[in-house]
Amino acid sequence: MKKKIQFGLPDSKVPSDWAIEADGILYTVQWACLPDGTCAKGGIAEQTKVTLDNLKRALEAAGGSIDDVVQIQVYLTDASNFKAMNEVYAGYFKSPYPNRASLVAGNLIPGGLIEIVAQAHIGISSPID
């Protein structure tokens, strides 16, 4: 059984939810979305921070933590942003690090420089309320 995880971001404008937990695994897609639904301004460092803060909040709302992330796919609009993204990213994770792929994508959401897809093992599923 899957369960939608709410953590303070507005509902998506497309048929997708920010975070879904099923059988102790959290599946989530995050970008630099602010609580009002707009994309954070600033460069890759600021957008990476907002994106990872959203990921952290989603994990905590599901009963987990950043340490529970096992796999991440990072999408960037520009390969030249990799170094700055990685500097911010390194402040969120410790060894053993999540398995990670980093890709350059043509376009993301308008104004977006980064998008992250993550899976985390947060334990046994809780019953649906």
N, C-alpha and C. Protein backbone atom coordinates (compact mmCIF):
# COMPACT_ATOMS: atom_id res chain seq x y z
N MET A 1 0.85 -1.17 0.00
CA MET A 1 0.00 0.00 0.00
C MET A 1 0.89 1.23 0.00
N LYS A 2 0.56 2.19 -0.82
CA LYS A 2 1.36 3.41 -0.85
C LYS A 2 0.66 4.54 -0.11
N LYS A 3 1.49 5.47 0.36
CA LYS A 3 0.98 6.57 1.18
C LYS A 3 1.66 7.87 0.74
N LYS A 4 0.88 8.90 0.49
CA LYS A 4 1.40 10.22 0.16
C LYS A 4 1.98 10.87 1.42
N ILE A 5 3.16 11.45 1.30
CA ILE A 5 3.82 12.13 2.41
C ILE A 5 3.69 13.63 2.20
N GLN A 6 3.10 14.31 3.17
CA GLN A 6 2.94 15.77 3.14
C GLN A 6 4.07 16.39 3.97
N PHE A 7 4.70 17.44 3.45
CA PHE A 7 5.78 18.07 4.21
C PHE A 7 5.91 19.57 3.95
N GLY A 8 4.80 20.19 3.55
CA GLY A 8 4.78 21.65 3.49
C GLY A 8 4.89 22.28 2.12
N LEU A 9 5.03 21.49 1.07
CA LEU A 9 5.03 22.07 -0.27
C LEU A 9 3.63 21.96 -0.87
N PRO A 10 3.26 22.89 -1.76
CA PRO A 10 1.93 22.83 -2.34
C PRO A 10 1.78 21.60 -3.25
N ASP A 11 0.54 21.17 -3.46
CA ASP A 11 0.30 20.06 -4.37
C ASP A 11 0.87 20.39 -5.75
N SER A 12 1.36 19.36 -6.41
CA SER A 12 1.91 19.51 -7.75
C SER A 12 0.81 19.92 -8.73
N LYS A 13 1.21 20.63 -9.78
CA LYS A 13 0.26 21.02 -10.81
C LYS A 13 0.13 19.94 -11.88
N VAL A 14 0.89 18.88 -11.75
CA VAL A 14 0.80 17.74 -12.66
C VAL A 14 0.39 16.51 -11.84
N PRO A 15 -0.05 15.45 -12.49
CA PRO A 15 -0.50 14.27 -11.73
C PRO A 15 0.69 13.49 -11.14
N SER A 16 1.28 14.06 -10.10
CA SER A 16 2.42 13.47 -9.41
C SER A 16 2.46 14.04 -8.00
N ASP A 17 2.91 13.26 -7.05
CA ASP A 17 3.08 13.73 -5.69
C ASP A 17 4.57 13.83 -5.38
N TRP A 18 4.90 14.71 -4.43
CA TRP A 18 6.30 14.96 -4.06
C TRP A 18 6.98 13.74 -3.48
N ALA A 19 6.27 13.01 -2.63
CA ALA A 19 6.89 11.89 -1.93
C ALA A 19 5.83 10.82 -1.65
N ILE A 20 6.20 9.59 -1.94
CA ILE A 20 5.33 8.44 -1.72
C ILE A 20 6.12 7.40 -0.93
N GLU A 21 5.50 6.89 0.13
CA GLU A 21 6.13 5.81 0.91
C GLU A 21 5.35 4.53 0.64
N ALA A 22 6.09 3.46 0.40
CA ALA A 22 5.48 2.15 0.20
C ALA A 22 6.43 1.09 0.74
N ASP A 23 5.92 0.26 1.64
CA ASP A 23 6.70 -0.85 2.20
C ASP A 23 8.05 -0.41 2.74
N GLY A 24 8.08 0.73 3.43
CA GLY A 24 9.29 1.19 4.07
C GLY A 24 10.28 1.89 3.16
N ILE A 25 9.90 2.13 1.91
CA ILE A 25 10.76 2.85 0.97
C ILE A 25 10.08 4.17 0.63
N LEU A 26 10.85 5.26 0.72
CA LEU A 26 10.35 6.57 0.31
C LEU A 26 10.87 6.85 -1.09
N TYR A 27 9.95 7.19 -1.99
CA TYR A 27 10.26 7.56 -3.36
C TYR A 27 9.93 9.04 -3.49
N THR A 28 10.89 9.84 -3.91
CA THR A 28 10.63 11.27 -3.96
C THR A 28 11.40 11.95 -5.08
N VAL A 29 10.81 13.01 -5.59
CA VAL A 29 11.44 13.90 -6.56
C VAL A 29 11.41 15.30 -5.95
N GLN A 30 12.54 15.96 -5.95
CA GLN A 30 12.63 17.30 -5.36
C GLN A 30 13.34 18.25 -6.31
N TRP A 31 12.94 19.49 -6.23
CA TRP A 31 13.64 20.59 -6.90
C TRP A 31 13.57 21.79 -5.98
N ALA A 32 14.05 22.92 -6.43
CA ALA A 32 14.16 24.10 -5.56
C ALA A 32 12.83 24.81 -5.40
N CYS A 33 11.82 24.07 -5.01
CA CYS A 33 10.47 24.61 -4.81
C CYS A 33 10.37 25.27 -3.44
N LEU A 34 9.86 26.47 -3.44
CA LEU A 34 9.60 27.19 -2.19
C LEU A 34 8.18 26.89 -1.72
N PRO A 35 7.87 27.14 -0.46
CA PRO A 35 6.52 26.84 0.06
C PRO A 35 5.38 27.48 -0.73
N ASP A 36 5.66 28.57 -1.45
CA ASP A 36 4.59 29.20 -2.25
C ASP A 36 4.47 28.60 -3.65
N GLY A 37 5.28 27.57 -3.94
CA GLY A 37 5.21 26.89 -5.23
C GLY A 37 6.12 27.47 -6.30
N THR A 38 6.83 28.54 -6.01
CA THR A 38 7.74 29.12 -6.99
C THR A 38 9.13 28.48 -6.85
N CYS A 39 9.94 28.68 -7.87
CA CYS A 39 11.30 28.17 -7.87
C CYS A 39 12.22 29.18 -7.20
N ALA A 40 13.10 28.70 -6.34
CA ALA A 40 14.06 29.58 -5.67
C ALA A 40 14.92 30.29 -6.69
N LYS A 41 15.18 31.53 -6.43
CA LYS A 41 16.08 32.31 -7.28
C LYS A 41 17.51 32.00 -6.86
N GLY A 42 18.44 32.53 -7.56
CA GLY A 42 19.84 32.31 -7.20
C GLY A 42 20.46 31.25 -8.08
N GLY A 43 21.71 31.00 -7.81
CA GLY A 43 22.48 30.05 -8.60
C GLY A 43 22.33 28.62 -8.12
N ILE A 44 23.21 27.79 -8.63
CA ILE A 44 23.13 26.36 -8.34
C ILE A 44 23.33 26.06 -6.86
N ALA A 45 24.19 26.78 -6.17
CA ALA A 45 24.41 26.50 -4.74
C ALA A 45 23.12 26.73 -3.95
N GLU A 46 22.45 27.84 -4.17
CA GLU A 46 21.20 28.13 -3.46
C GLU A 46 20.12 27.12 -3.83
N GLN A 47 19.98 26.81 -5.11
CA GLN A 47 18.95 25.86 -5.53
C GLN A 47 19.24 24.45 -5.02
N THR A 48 20.50 24.07 -4.94
CA THR A 48 20.85 22.76 -4.39
C THR A 48 20.48 22.70 -2.92
N LYS A 49 20.76 23.76 -2.18
CA LYS A 49 20.43 23.81 -0.75
C LYS A 49 18.92 23.69 -0.55
N VAL A 50 18.12 24.45 -1.29
CA VAL A 50 16.67 24.38 -1.16
C VAL A 50 16.17 22.98 -1.52
N THR A 51 16.70 22.41 -2.58
CA THR A 51 16.29 21.07 -3.02
C THR A 51 16.60 20.02 -1.96
N LEU A 52 17.81 20.07 -1.41
CA LEU A 52 18.18 19.09 -0.38
C LEU A 52 17.46 19.34 0.94
N ASP A 53 17.16 20.59 1.26
CA ASP A 53 16.34 20.87 2.44
C ASP A 53 14.94 20.29 2.26
N ASN A 54 14.37 20.39 1.05
CA ASN A 54 13.07 19.77 0.76
C ASN A 54 13.15 18.26 0.92
N LEU A 55 14.22 17.66 0.42
CA LEU A 55 14.40 16.22 0.57
C LEU A 55 14.46 15.83 2.05
N LYS A 56 15.21 16.58 2.82
CA LYS A 56 15.35 16.31 4.25
C LYS A 56 13.99 16.40 4.95
N ARG A 57 13.19 17.43 4.62
CA ARG A 57 11.87 17.57 5.23
C ARG A 57 10.93 16.43 4.84
N ALA A 58 11.01 15.99 3.59
CA ALA A 58 10.18 14.86 3.15
C ALA A 58 10.54 13.60 3.91
N LEU A 59 11.83 13.37 4.08
CA LEU A 59 12.29 12.19 4.83
C LEU A 59 11.82 12.24 6.27
N GLU A 60 11.96 13.37 6.91
CA GLU A 60 11.55 13.50 8.31
C GLU A 60 10.04 13.33 8.46
N ALA A 61 9.26 13.87 7.50
CA ALA A 61 7.81 13.71 7.56
C ALA A 61 7.39 12.25 7.41
N ALA A 62 8.23 11.47 6.72
CA ALA A 62 7.95 10.04 6.54
C ALA A 62 8.50 9.19 7.68
N GLY A 63 9.16 9.84 8.65
CA GLY A 63 9.72 9.10 9.78
C GLY A 63 11.15 8.68 9.59
N GLY A 64 11.82 9.24 8.60
CA GLY A 64 13.21 8.88 8.33
C GLY A 64 14.14 10.06 8.50
N SER A 65 15.33 9.90 7.95
CA SER A 65 16.33 10.97 7.99
C SER A 65 17.16 10.91 6.72
N ILE A 66 17.98 11.91 6.53
CA ILE A 66 18.86 11.99 5.36
C ILE A 66 19.79 10.78 5.29
N ASP A 67 20.10 10.19 6.44
CA ASP A 67 20.97 9.00 6.48
C ASP A 67 20.30 7.77 5.89
N ASP A 68 18.99 7.80 5.67
CA ASP A 68 18.26 6.66 5.11
C ASP A 68 18.28 6.62 3.59
N VAL A 69 18.79 7.66 2.94
CA VAL A 69 18.81 7.70 1.48
C VAL A 69 19.81 6.67 0.96
N VAL A 70 19.34 5.84 0.03
CA VAL A 70 20.21 4.81 -0.53
C VAL A 70 20.59 5.07 -1.99
N GLN A 71 19.78 5.83 -2.70
CA GLN A 71 20.10 6.12 -4.10
C GLN A 71 19.55 7.48 -4.49
N ILE A 72 20.35 8.19 -5.29
CA ILE A 72 19.97 9.53 -5.77
C ILE A 72 20.35 9.66 -7.24
N GLN A 73 19.48 10.31 -7.98
CA GLN A 73 19.80 10.75 -9.34
C GLN A 73 19.72 12.27 -9.33
N VAL A 74 20.80 12.93 -9.70
CA VAL A 74 20.86 14.39 -9.74
C VAL A 74 20.81 14.81 -11.21
N TYR A 75 19.86 15.67 -11.53
CA TYR A 75 19.73 16.22 -12.88
C TYR A 75 20.12 17.69 -12.83
N LEU A 76 21.05 18.08 -13.68
CA LEU A 76 21.49 19.47 -13.78
C LEU A 76 21.23 19.98 -15.19
N THR A 77 21.00 21.27 -15.32
CA THR A 77 20.81 21.83 -16.66
C THR A 77 22.13 22.17 -17.33
N ASP A 78 23.21 22.22 -16.55
CA ASP A 78 24.50 22.64 -17.09
C ASP A 78 25.62 21.88 -16.36
N ALA A 79 26.46 21.20 -17.10
CA ALA A 79 27.56 20.43 -16.50
C ALA A 79 28.51 21.31 -15.70
N SER A 80 28.60 22.59 -16.03
CA SER A 80 29.50 23.47 -15.30
C SER A 80 29.02 23.71 -13.86
N ASN A 81 27.78 23.32 -13.54
CA ASN A 81 27.25 23.46 -12.17
C ASN A 81 27.59 22.28 -11.26
N PHE A 82 28.24 21.26 -11.82
CA PHE A 82 28.50 20.05 -11.04
C PHE A 82 29.34 20.33 -9.79
N LYS A 83 30.41 21.07 -9.92
CA LYS A 83 31.31 21.31 -8.79
C LYS A 83 30.59 22.03 -7.64
N ALA A 84 29.89 23.11 -7.95
CA ALA A 84 29.18 23.87 -6.90
C ALA A 84 28.06 23.03 -6.28
N MET A 85 27.35 22.26 -7.10
CA MET A 85 26.31 21.37 -6.57
C MET A 85 26.93 20.37 -5.62
N ASN A 86 28.05 19.78 -6.02
CA ASN A 86 28.69 18.74 -5.22
C ASN A 86 29.21 19.28 -3.89
N GLU A 87 29.66 20.53 -3.87
CA GLU A 87 30.12 21.15 -2.62
C GLU A 87 28.97 21.26 -1.62
N VAL A 88 27.80 21.68 -2.07
CA VAL A 88 26.64 21.77 -1.17
C VAL A 88 26.18 20.37 -0.79
N TYR A 89 26.07 19.48 -1.76
CA TYR A 89 25.62 18.10 -1.55
C TYR A 89 26.46 17.41 -0.47
N ALA A 90 27.77 17.61 -0.50
CA ALA A 90 28.68 16.96 0.45
C ALA A 90 28.37 17.33 1.90
N GLY A 91 27.75 18.46 2.14
CA GLY A 91 27.39 18.87 3.49
C GLY A 91 26.16 18.17 4.05
N TYR A 92 25.45 17.41 3.22
CA TYR A 92 24.22 16.74 3.65
C TYR A 92 24.41 15.25 3.93
N PHE A 93 25.42 14.65 3.34
CA PHE A 93 25.58 13.20 3.43
C PHE A 93 26.93 12.82 4.01
N LYS A 94 26.96 11.65 4.66
CA LYS A 94 28.21 11.12 5.19
C LYS A 94 28.32 9.66 4.75
N SER A 95 29.48 9.11 4.87
CA SER A 95 29.73 7.73 4.48
C SER A 95 29.01 6.76 5.43
N PRO A 96 28.40 5.72 4.93
CA PRO A 96 28.35 5.31 3.54
C PRO A 96 27.38 6.20 2.75
N TYR A 97 27.88 6.76 1.66
CA TYR A 97 27.11 7.70 0.85
C TYR A 97 26.05 6.98 0.03
N PRO A 98 24.97 7.69 -0.32
CA PRO A 98 24.00 7.09 -1.24
C PRO A 98 24.66 6.81 -2.59
N ASN A 99 24.23 5.76 -3.23
CA ASN A 99 24.62 5.50 -4.61
C ASN A 99 24.07 6.66 -5.44
N ARG A 100 24.87 7.22 -6.36
CA ARG A 100 24.41 8.42 -7.06
C ARG A 100 24.79 8.41 -8.53
N ALA A 101 23.87 8.89 -9.34
CA ALA A 101 24.13 9.19 -10.74
C ALA A 101 23.88 10.68 -10.93
N SER A 102 24.71 11.34 -11.71
CA SER A 102 24.53 12.76 -12.01
C SER A 102 24.44 12.89 -13.53
N LEU A 103 23.39 13.58 -13.98
CA LEU A 103 23.12 13.70 -15.40
C LEU A 103 22.87 15.14 -15.78
N VAL A 104 23.17 15.48 -17.02
CA VAL A 104 22.84 16.79 -17.54
C VAL A 104 21.60 16.64 -18.40
N ALA A 105 20.57 17.41 -18.07
CA ALA A 105 19.30 17.39 -18.80
C ALA A 105 19.12 18.74 -19.48
N GLY A 106 18.46 18.77 -20.61
CA GLY A 106 18.28 20.02 -21.34
C GLY A 106 17.52 21.07 -20.56
N ASN A 107 16.33 20.75 -20.13
CA ASN A 107 15.49 21.69 -19.40
C ASN A 107 14.80 20.98 -18.25
N LEU A 108 14.65 21.71 -17.16
CA LEU A 108 13.89 21.22 -16.02
C LEU A 108 12.71 22.16 -15.86
N ILE A 109 12.19 22.34 -14.65
CA ILE A 109 11.09 23.28 -14.47
C ILE A 109 11.58 24.68 -14.78
N PRO A 110 10.72 25.59 -15.19
CA PRO A 110 11.17 26.95 -15.52
C PRO A 110 11.97 27.59 -14.39
N GLY A 111 13.18 28.01 -14.68
CA GLY A 111 14.05 28.63 -13.69
C GLY A 111 14.86 27.64 -12.88
N GLY A 112 14.56 26.36 -13.02
CA GLY A 112 15.23 25.33 -12.24
C GLY A 112 16.57 24.92 -12.83
N LEU A 113 17.56 24.77 -11.96
CA LEU A 113 18.89 24.34 -12.36
C LEU A 113 19.20 22.92 -11.92
N ILE A 114 18.38 22.36 -11.01
CA ILE A 114 18.62 21.05 -10.44
C ILE A 114 17.31 20.36 -10.11
N GLU A 115 17.30 19.05 -10.25
CA GLU A 115 16.20 18.21 -9.80
C GLU A 115 16.83 16.93 -9.25
N ILE A 116 16.27 16.41 -8.17
CA ILE A 116 16.82 15.22 -7.53
C ILE A 116 15.72 14.18 -7.38
N VAL A 117 16.03 12.96 -7.78
CA VAL A 117 15.17 11.80 -7.57
C VAL A 117 15.88 10.96 -6.52
N ALA A 118 15.17 10.59 -5.46
CA ALA A 118 15.81 9.83 -4.38
C ALA A 118 14.92 8.70 -3.89
N GLN A 119 15.57 7.65 -3.43
CA GLN A 119 14.90 6.55 -2.77
C GLN A 119 15.59 6.35 -1.42
N ALA A 120 14.77 6.15 -0.39
CA ALA A 120 15.31 5.98 0.96
C ALA A 120 14.60 4.81 1.64
N HIS A 121 15.35 4.02 2.37
CA HIS A 121 14.77 2.94 3.16
C HIS A 121 14.50 3.49 4.55
N ILE A 122 13.23 3.68 4.88
CA ILE A 122 12.89 4.31 6.16
C ILE A 122 12.30 3.31 7.16
N GLY A 123 12.24 2.05 6.80
CA GLY A 123 11.74 1.04 7.74
C GLY A 123 10.42 0.45 7.32
N ILE A 124 9.76 -0.12 8.27
CA ILE A 124 8.49 -0.82 8.02
C ILE A 124 7.39 0.20 7.76
N SER A 125 6.55 -0.11 6.78
CA SER A 125 5.42 0.77 6.46
C SER A 125 4.50 0.91 7.66
N SER A 126 3.97 2.10 7.82
CA SER A 126 2.95 2.31 8.83
C SER A 126 1.58 2.14 8.17
N PRO A 127 0.58 1.73 8.92
CA PRO A 127 -0.75 1.58 8.33
C PRO A 127 -1.26 2.91 7.78
N ILE A 128 -2.05 2.84 6.76
CA ILE A 128 -2.66 4.03 6.17
C ILE A 128 -3.69 4.56 7.16
N ASP A 129 -3.61 5.86 7.41
CA ASP A 129 -4.57 6.49 8.33
C ASP A 129 -5.92 6.66 7.68
